[in-house]
PDB file of N, CA and C in Angstrom:
ATOM      1  N   UNK A   1     -43.800 -12.981  38.890  1.00  0.00           N
ATOM      2  CA  UNK A   1     -44.116 -14.080  39.770  1.00  0.00           C
ATOM      3  C   UNK A   1     -44.422 -13.527  41.153  1.00  0.00           C
ATOM      4  N   UNK A   2     -45.551 -13.927  41.685  1.00  0.00           N
ATOM      5  CA  UNK A   2     -45.947 -13.465  43.007  1.00  0.00           C
ATOM      6  C   UNK A   2     -45.268 -14.305  44.079  1.00  0.00           C
ATOM      7  N   UNK A   3     -44.859 -13.639  45.139  1.00  0.00           N
ATOM      8  CA  UNK A   3     -44.276 -14.331  46.274  1.00  0.00           C
ATOM      9  C   UNK A   3     -45.232 -14.186  47.442  1.00  0.00           C
ATOM     10  N   UNK A   4     -45.581 -15.302  48.029  1.00  0.00           N
ATOM     11  CA  UNK A   4     -46.461 -15.286  49.183  1.00  0.00           C
ATOM     12  C   UNK A   4     -45.628 -15.344  50.455  1.00  0.00           C
ATOM     13  N   UNK A   5     -46.114 -14.671  51.461  1.00  0.00           N
ATOM     14  CA  UNK A   5     -45.427 -14.651  52.741  1.00  0.00           C
ATOM     15  C   UNK A   5     -46.370 -15.113  53.838  1.00  0.00           C
ATOM     16  N   UNK A   6     -45.790 -15.753  54.820  1.00  0.00           N
ATOM     17  CA  UNK A   6     -46.518 -16.107  56.032  1.00  0.00           C
ATOM     18  C   UNK A   6     -45.852 -15.379  57.181  1.00  0.00           C
ATOM     19  N   UNK A   7     -46.605 -15.150  58.232  1.00  0.00           N
ATOM     20  CA  UNK A   7     -45.994 -14.460  59.362  1.00  0.00           C
ATOM     21  C   UNK A   7     -46.168 -15.283  60.625  1.00  0.00           C
ATOM     22  N   UNK A   8     -45.282 -15.046  61.543  1.00  0.00           N
ATOM     23  CA  UNK A   8     -45.302 -15.733  62.828  1.00  0.00           C
ATOM     24  C   UNK A   8     -44.982 -14.707  63.905  1.00  0.00           C
ATOM     25  N   UNK A   9     -45.534 -14.904  65.072  1.00  0.00           N
ATOM     26  CA  UNK A   9     -45.263 -14.013  66.195  1.00  0.00           C
ATOM     27  C   UNK A   9     -44.361 -14.759  67.169  1.00  0.00           C
ATOM     28  N   UNK A  10     -43.201 -14.167  67.448  1.00  0.00           N
ATOM     29  CA  UNK A  10     -42.241 -14.778  68.361  1.00  0.00           C
ATOM     30  C   UNK A  10     -42.694 -14.565  69.804  1.00  0.00           C
ATOM     31  N   UNK A  11     -42.092 -15.289  70.753  1.00  0.00           N
ATOM     32  CA  UNK A  11     -42.437 -15.077  72.165  1.00  0.00           C
ATOM     33  C   UNK A  11     -42.187 -13.631  72.627  1.00  0.00           C
ATOM     34  N   UNK A  12     -41.302 -12.927  71.946  1.00  0.00           N
ATOM     35  CA  UNK A  12     -41.042 -11.525  72.285  1.00  0.00           C
ATOM     36  C   UNK A  12     -42.046 -10.588  71.613  1.00  0.00           C
ATOM     37  N   UNK A  13     -43.092 -11.168  71.031  1.00  0.00           N
ATOM     38  CA  UNK A  13     -44.146 -10.436  70.332  1.00  0.00           C
ATOM     39  C   UNK A  13     -43.627  -9.683  69.108  1.00  0.00           C
ATOM     40  N   UNK A  14     -42.618 -10.248  68.488  1.00  0.00           N
ATOM     41  CA  UNK A  14     -42.093  -9.687  67.249  1.00  0.00           C
ATOM     42  C   UNK A  14     -42.720 -10.448  66.091  1.00  0.00           C
ATOM     43  N   UNK A  15     -43.127  -9.729  65.068  1.00  0.00           N
ATOM     44  CA  UNK A  15     -43.724 -10.357  63.892  1.00  0.00           C
ATOM     45  C   UNK A  15     -42.626 -10.620  62.874  1.00  0.00           C
ATOM     46  N   UNK A  16     -42.529 -11.881  62.449  1.00  0.00           N
ATOM     47  CA  UNK A  16     -41.498 -12.287  61.504  1.00  0.00           C
ATOM     48  C   UNK A  16     -42.195 -12.803  60.245  1.00  0.00           C
ATOM     49  N   UNK A  17     -41.844 -12.196  59.108  1.00  0.00           N
ATOM     50  CA  UNK A  17     -42.382 -12.628  57.818  1.00  0.00           C
ATOM     51  C   UNK A  17     -41.370 -13.533  57.134  1.00  0.00           C
ATOM     52  N   UNK A  18     -41.852 -14.641  56.607  1.00  0.00           N
ATOM     53  CA  UNK A  18     -40.997 -15.550  55.853  1.00  0.00           C
ATOM     54  C   UNK A  18     -41.706 -15.902  54.552  1.00  0.00           C
ATOM     55  N   UNK A  19     -40.912 -16.218  53.557  1.00  0.00           N
ATOM     56  CA  UNK A  19     -41.473 -16.586  52.266  1.00  0.00           C
ATOM     57  C   UNK A  19     -42.156 -17.933  52.384  1.00  0.00           C
ATOM     58  N   UNK A  20     -43.347 -18.011  51.827  1.00  0.00           N
ATOM     59  CA  UNK A  20     -44.115 -19.251  51.842  1.00  0.00           C
ATOM     60  C   UNK A  20     -43.596 -20.146  50.726  1.00  0.00           C
ATOM     61  N   UNK A  21     -42.977 -21.236  51.084  1.00  0.00           N
ATOM     62  CA  UNK A  21     -42.380 -22.142  50.097  1.00  0.00           C
ATOM     63  C   UNK A  21     -43.424 -23.025  49.431  1.00  0.00           C
ATOM     64  N   UNK A  22     -44.560 -23.204  50.098  1.00  0.00           N
ATOM     65  CA  UNK A  22     -45.599 -24.077  49.560  1.00  0.00           C
ATOM     66  C   UNK A  22     -46.543 -23.247  48.699  1.00  0.00           C
ATOM     67  N   UNK A  23     -46.595 -23.576  47.441  1.00  0.00           N
ATOM     68  CA  UNK A  23     -47.466 -22.858  46.515  1.00  0.00           C
ATOM     69  C   UNK A  23     -48.893 -23.388  46.654  1.00  0.00           C
ATOM     70  N   UNK A  24     -49.834 -22.497  46.595  1.00  0.00           N
ATOM     71  CA  UNK A  24     -51.231 -22.887  46.673  1.00  0.00           C
ATOM     72  C   UNK A  24     -51.626 -23.586  45.379  1.00  0.00           C
ATOM     73  N   UNK A  25     -52.412 -24.618  45.506  1.00  0.00           N
ATOM     74  CA  UNK A  25     -52.900 -25.361  44.349  1.00  0.00           C
ATOM     75  C   UNK A  25     -54.398 -25.106  44.245  1.00  0.00           C
ATOM     76  N   UNK A  26     -54.809 -24.566  43.118  1.00  0.00           N
ATOM     77  CA  UNK A  26     -56.207 -24.239  42.910  1.00  0.00           C
ATOM     78  C   UNK A  26     -56.779 -25.078  41.787  1.00  0.00           C
ATOM     79  N   UNK A  27     -58.071 -25.341  41.883  1.00  0.00           N
ATOM     80  CA  UNK A  27     -58.762 -26.012  40.790  1.00  0.00           C
ATOM     81  C   UNK A  27     -58.960 -24.991  39.672  1.00  0.00           C
ATOM     82  N   UNK A  28     -59.206 -25.449  38.454  1.00  0.00           N
ATOM     83  CA  UNK A  28     -59.459 -24.499  37.373  1.00  0.00           C
ATOM     84  C   UNK A  28     -60.630 -23.556  37.681  1.00  0.00           C
ATOM     85  N   UNK A  29     -61.656 -24.066  38.354  1.00  0.00           N
ATOM     86  CA  UNK A  29     -62.793 -23.225  38.698  1.00  0.00           C
ATOM     87  C   UNK A  29     -62.386 -22.148  39.698  1.00  0.00           C
ATOM     88  N   UNK A  30     -61.564 -22.495  40.677  1.00  0.00           N
ATOM     89  CA  UNK A  30     -61.093 -21.510  41.653  1.00  0.00           C
ATOM     90  C   UNK A  30     -60.216 -20.448  40.975  1.00  0.00           C
ATOM     91  N   UNK A  31     -59.375 -20.880  40.030  1.00  0.00           N
ATOM     92  CA  UNK A  31     -58.547 -19.921  39.296  1.00  0.00           C
ATOM     93  C   UNK A  31     -59.424 -18.962  38.499  1.00  0.00           C
ATOM     94  N   UNK A  32     -60.465 -19.497  37.862  1.00  0.00           N
ATOM     95  CA  UNK A  32     -61.388 -18.656  37.113  1.00  0.00           C
ATOM     96  C   UNK A  32     -62.083 -17.660  38.036  1.00  0.00           C
ATOM     97  N   UNK A  33     -62.487 -18.119  39.218  1.00  0.00           N
ATOM     98  CA  UNK A  33     -63.126 -17.228  40.191  1.00  0.00           C
ATOM     99  C   UNK A  33     -62.188 -16.089  40.584  1.00  0.00           C
ATOM    100  N   UNK A  34     -60.915 -16.388  40.793  1.00  0.00           N
ATOM    101  CA  UNK A  34     -59.961 -15.346  41.174  1.00  0.00           C
ATOM    102  C   UNK A  34     -59.765 -14.336  40.039  1.00  0.00           C
ATOM    103  N   UNK A  35     -59.686 -14.835  38.809  1.00  0.00           N
ATOM    104  CA  UNK A  35     -59.525 -13.939  37.662  1.00  0.00           C
ATOM    105  C   UNK A  35     -60.741 -13.023  37.535  1.00  0.00           C
ATOM    106  N   UNK A  36     -61.922 -13.593  37.695  1.00  0.00           N
ATOM    107  CA  UNK A  36     -63.142 -12.791  37.606  1.00  0.00           C
ATOM    108  C   UNK A  36     -63.192 -11.765  38.725  1.00  0.00           C
ATOM    109  N   UNK A  37     -62.860 -12.188  39.949  1.00  0.00           N
ATOM    110  CA  UNK A  37     -62.893 -11.268  41.088  1.00  0.00           C
ATOM    111  C   UNK A  37     -61.924 -10.106  40.878  1.00  0.00           C
ATOM    112  N   UNK A  38     -60.772 -10.377  40.279  1.00  0.00           N
ATOM    113  CA  UNK A  38     -59.788  -9.319  40.049  1.00  0.00           C
ATOM    114  C   UNK A  38     -60.208  -8.394  38.902  1.00  0.00           C
ATOM    115  N   UNK A  39     -60.956  -8.917  37.945  1.00  0.00           N
ATOM    116  CA  UNK A  39     -61.313  -8.115  36.780  1.00  0.00           C
ATOM    117  C   UNK A  39     -62.573  -7.283  36.992  1.00  0.00           C
ATOM    118  N   UNK A  40     -63.373  -7.611  37.998  1.00  0.00           N
ATOM    119  CA  UNK A  40     -64.586  -6.856  38.295  1.00  0.00           C
ATOM    120  C   UNK A  40     -64.431  -6.168  39.645  1.00  0.00           C
ATOM    121  N   UNK A  41     -64.118  -4.883  39.646  1.00  0.00           N
ATOM    122  CA  UNK A  41     -63.947  -4.190  40.922  1.00  0.00           C
ATOM    123  C   UNK A  41     -65.263  -3.913  41.646  1.00  0.00           C
ATOM    124  N   UNK A  42     -66.387  -4.056  40.951  1.00  0.00           N
ATOM    125  CA  UNK A  42     -67.666  -3.790  41.590  1.00  0.00           C
ATOM    126  C   UNK A  42     -67.955  -4.846  42.652  1.00  0.00           C
ATOM    127  N   UNK A  43     -68.436  -4.412  43.777  1.00  0.00           N
ATOM    128  CA  UNK A  43     -68.667  -5.332  44.893  1.00  0.00           C
ATOM    129  C   UNK A  43     -69.891  -6.208  44.679  1.00  0.00           C
ATOM    130  N   UNK A  44     -70.787  -5.831  43.760  1.00  0.00           N
ATOM    131  CA  UNK A  44     -72.016  -6.597  43.585  1.00  0.00           C
ATOM    132  C   UNK A  44     -71.837  -7.816  42.683  1.00  0.00           C
ATOM    133  N   UNK A  45     -70.702  -7.946  42.046  1.00  0.00           N
ATOM    134  CA  UNK A  45     -70.459  -9.096  41.173  1.00  0.00           C
ATOM    135  C   UNK A  45     -70.035 -10.276  42.028  1.00  0.00           C
ATOM    136  N   UNK A  46     -70.742 -11.389  41.876  1.00  0.00           N
ATOM    137  CA  UNK A  46     -70.411 -12.611  42.612  1.00  0.00           C
ATOM    138  C   UNK A  46     -69.547 -13.480  41.708  1.00  0.00           C
ATOM    139  N   UNK A  47     -68.219 -13.458  41.907  1.00  0.00           N
ATOM    140  CA  UNK A  47     -67.342 -14.187  40.983  1.00  0.00           C
ATOM    141  C   UNK A  47     -67.568 -15.690  40.983  1.00  0.00           C
ATOM    142  N   UNK A  48     -67.932 -16.252  42.126  1.00  0.00           N
ATOM    143  CA  UNK A  48     -68.147 -17.702  42.170  1.00  0.00           C
ATOM    144  C   UNK A  48     -69.363 -18.089  41.331  1.00  0.00           C
ATOM    145  N   UNK A  49     -70.443 -17.341  41.470  1.00  0.00           N
ATOM    146  CA  UNK A  49     -71.649 -17.619  40.692  1.00  0.00           C
ATOM    147  C   UNK A  49     -71.371 -17.436  39.195  1.00  0.00           C
ATOM    148  N   UNK A  50     -70.666 -16.368  38.850  1.00  0.00           N
ATOM    149  CA  UNK A  50     -70.336 -16.089  37.459  1.00  0.00           C
ATOM    150  C   UNK A  50     -69.439 -17.190  36.892  1.00  0.00           C
ATOM    151  N   UNK A  51     -68.441 -17.600  37.652  1.00  0.00           N
ATOM    152  CA  UNK A  51     -67.519 -18.643  37.193  1.00  0.00           C
ATOM    153  C   UNK A  51     -68.247 -19.971  37.003  1.00  0.00           C
ATOM    154  N   UNK A  52     -69.125 -20.291  37.930  1.00  0.00           N
ATOM    155  CA  UNK A  52     -69.887 -21.546  37.786  1.00  0.00           C
ATOM    156  C   UNK A  52     -70.775 -21.509  36.543  1.00  0.00           C
ATOM    157  N   UNK A  53     -71.365 -20.349  36.278  1.00  0.00           N
ATOM    158  CA  UNK A  53     -72.209 -20.218  35.094  1.00  0.00           C
ATOM    159  C   UNK A  53     -71.372 -20.389  33.827  1.00  0.00           C
ATOM    160  N   UNK A  54     -70.204 -19.762  33.790  1.00  0.00           N
ATOM    161  CA  UNK A  54     -69.312 -19.930  32.636  1.00  0.00           C
ATOM    162  C   UNK A  54     -68.892 -21.387  32.482  1.00  0.00           C
ATOM    163  N   UNK A  55     -68.576 -22.017  33.587  1.00  0.00           N
ATOM    164  CA  UNK A  55     -68.173 -23.426  33.576  1.00  0.00           C
ATOM    165  C   UNK A  55     -69.305 -24.290  33.024  1.00  0.00           C
ATOM    166  N   UNK A  56     -70.529 -24.056  33.520  1.00  0.00           N
ATOM    167  CA  UNK A  56     -71.674 -24.836  33.062  1.00  0.00           C
ATOM    168  C   UNK A  56     -71.929 -24.638  31.574  1.00  0.00           C
ATOM    169  N   UNK A  57     -71.786 -23.386  31.115  1.00  0.00           N
ATOM    170  CA  UNK A  57     -71.986 -23.101  29.696  1.00  0.00           C
ATOM    171  C   UNK A  57     -70.944 -23.830  28.849  1.00  0.00           C
ATOM    172  N   UNK A  58     -69.694 -23.818  29.299  1.00  0.00           N
ATOM    173  CA  UNK A  58     -68.621 -24.493  28.549  1.00  0.00           C
ATOM    174  C   UNK A  58     -68.848 -25.998  28.520  1.00  0.00           C
ATOM    175  N   UNK A  59     -69.248 -26.550  29.646  1.00  0.00           N
ATOM    176  CA  UNK A  59     -69.479 -27.999  29.692  1.00  0.00           C
ATOM    177  C   UNK A  59     -70.675 -28.393  28.819  1.00  0.00           C
ATOM    178  N   UNK A  60     -71.710 -27.572  28.788  1.00  0.00           N
ATOM    179  CA  UNK A  60     -72.865 -27.862  27.946  1.00  0.00           C
ATOM    180  C   UNK A  60     -72.468 -27.818  26.469  1.00  0.00           C
ATOM    181  N   UNK A  61     -71.662 -26.839  26.104  1.00  0.00           N
ATOM    182  CA  UNK A  61     -71.198 -26.736  24.725  1.00  0.00           C
ATOM    183  C   UNK A  61     -70.314 -27.929  24.353  1.00  0.00           C
ATOM    184  N   UNK A  62     -69.433 -28.309  25.282  1.00  0.00           N
ATOM    185  CA  UNK A  62     -68.577 -29.473  25.053  1.00  0.00           C
ATOM    186  C   UNK A  62     -69.420 -30.729  24.867  1.00  0.00           C
ATOM    187  N   UNK A  63     -70.451 -30.883  25.691  1.00  0.00           N
ATOM    188  CA  UNK A  63     -71.331 -32.049  25.588  1.00  0.00           C
ATOM    189  C   UNK A  63     -72.036 -32.080  24.233  1.00  0.00           C
ATOM    190  N   UNK A  64     -72.493 -30.930  23.782  1.00  0.00           N
ATOM    191  CA  UNK A  64     -73.168 -30.868  22.479  1.00  0.00           C
ATOM    192  C   UNK A  64     -72.215 -31.258  21.351  1.00  0.00           C
ATOM    193  N   UNK A  65     -71.000 -30.748  21.378  1.00  0.00           N
ATOM    194  CA  UNK A  65     -70.020 -31.077  20.334  1.00  0.00           C
ATOM    195  C   UNK A  65     -69.653 -32.564  20.388  1.00  0.00           C
ATOM    196  N   UNK A  66     -69.540 -33.101  21.602  1.00  0.00           N
ATOM    197  CA  UNK A  66     -69.211 -34.519  21.771  1.00  0.00           C
ATOM    198  C   UNK A  66     -70.319 -35.394  21.176  1.00  0.00           C
ATOM    199  N   UNK A  67     -71.563 -35.030  21.425  1.00  0.00           N
ATOM    200  CA  UNK A  67     -72.672 -35.795  20.871  1.00  0.00           C
ATOM    201  C   UNK A  67     -72.689 -35.721  19.348  1.00  0.00           C
ATOM    202  N   UNK A  68     -72.333 -34.567  18.793  1.00  0.00           N
ATOM    203  CA  UNK A  68     -72.263 -34.420  17.333  1.00  0.00           C
ATOM    204  C   UNK A  68     -71.200 -35.342  16.752  1.00  0.00           C
ATOM    205  N   UNK A  69     -70.069 -35.443  17.425  1.00  0.00           N
ATOM    206  CA  UNK A  69     -68.989 -36.300  16.953  1.00  0.00           C
ATOM    207  C   UNK A  69     -69.399 -37.757  17.018  1.00  0.00           C
ATOM    208  N   UNK A  70     -70.094 -38.137  18.068  1.00  0.00           N
ATOM    209  CA  UNK A  70     -70.542 -39.532  18.193  1.00  0.00           C
ATOM    210  C   UNK A  70     -71.541 -39.902  17.112  1.00  0.00           C
ATOM    211  N   UNK A  71     -72.353 -38.947  16.684  1.00  0.00           N
ATOM    212  CA  UNK A  71     -73.332 -39.215  15.635  1.00  0.00           C
ATOM    213  C   UNK A  71     -72.669 -39.376  14.272  1.00  0.00           C
ATOM    214  N   UNK A  72     -71.509 -38.799  14.090  1.00  0.00           N
ATOM    215  CA  UNK A  72     -70.832 -38.856  12.785  1.00  0.00           C
ATOM    216  C   UNK A  72     -70.257 -40.200  12.488  1.00  0.00           C
TER     217      UNK A  72
END
């Protein structure tokens, strides 16, 4: 389990790290983008574009299967 930290600078210019209690909430597409970005170390891969393409392909396939079921 990953722990996120936030930092604050005190008036004495001391940096204080505290655990971030609020967990980030991501959409499934954002989660997919993060997974893709982590799995492709090459800088030329655009994870957002790739994730959107995968999403579009999945939705198109789902739509096709849904139409097949409606015809049955």
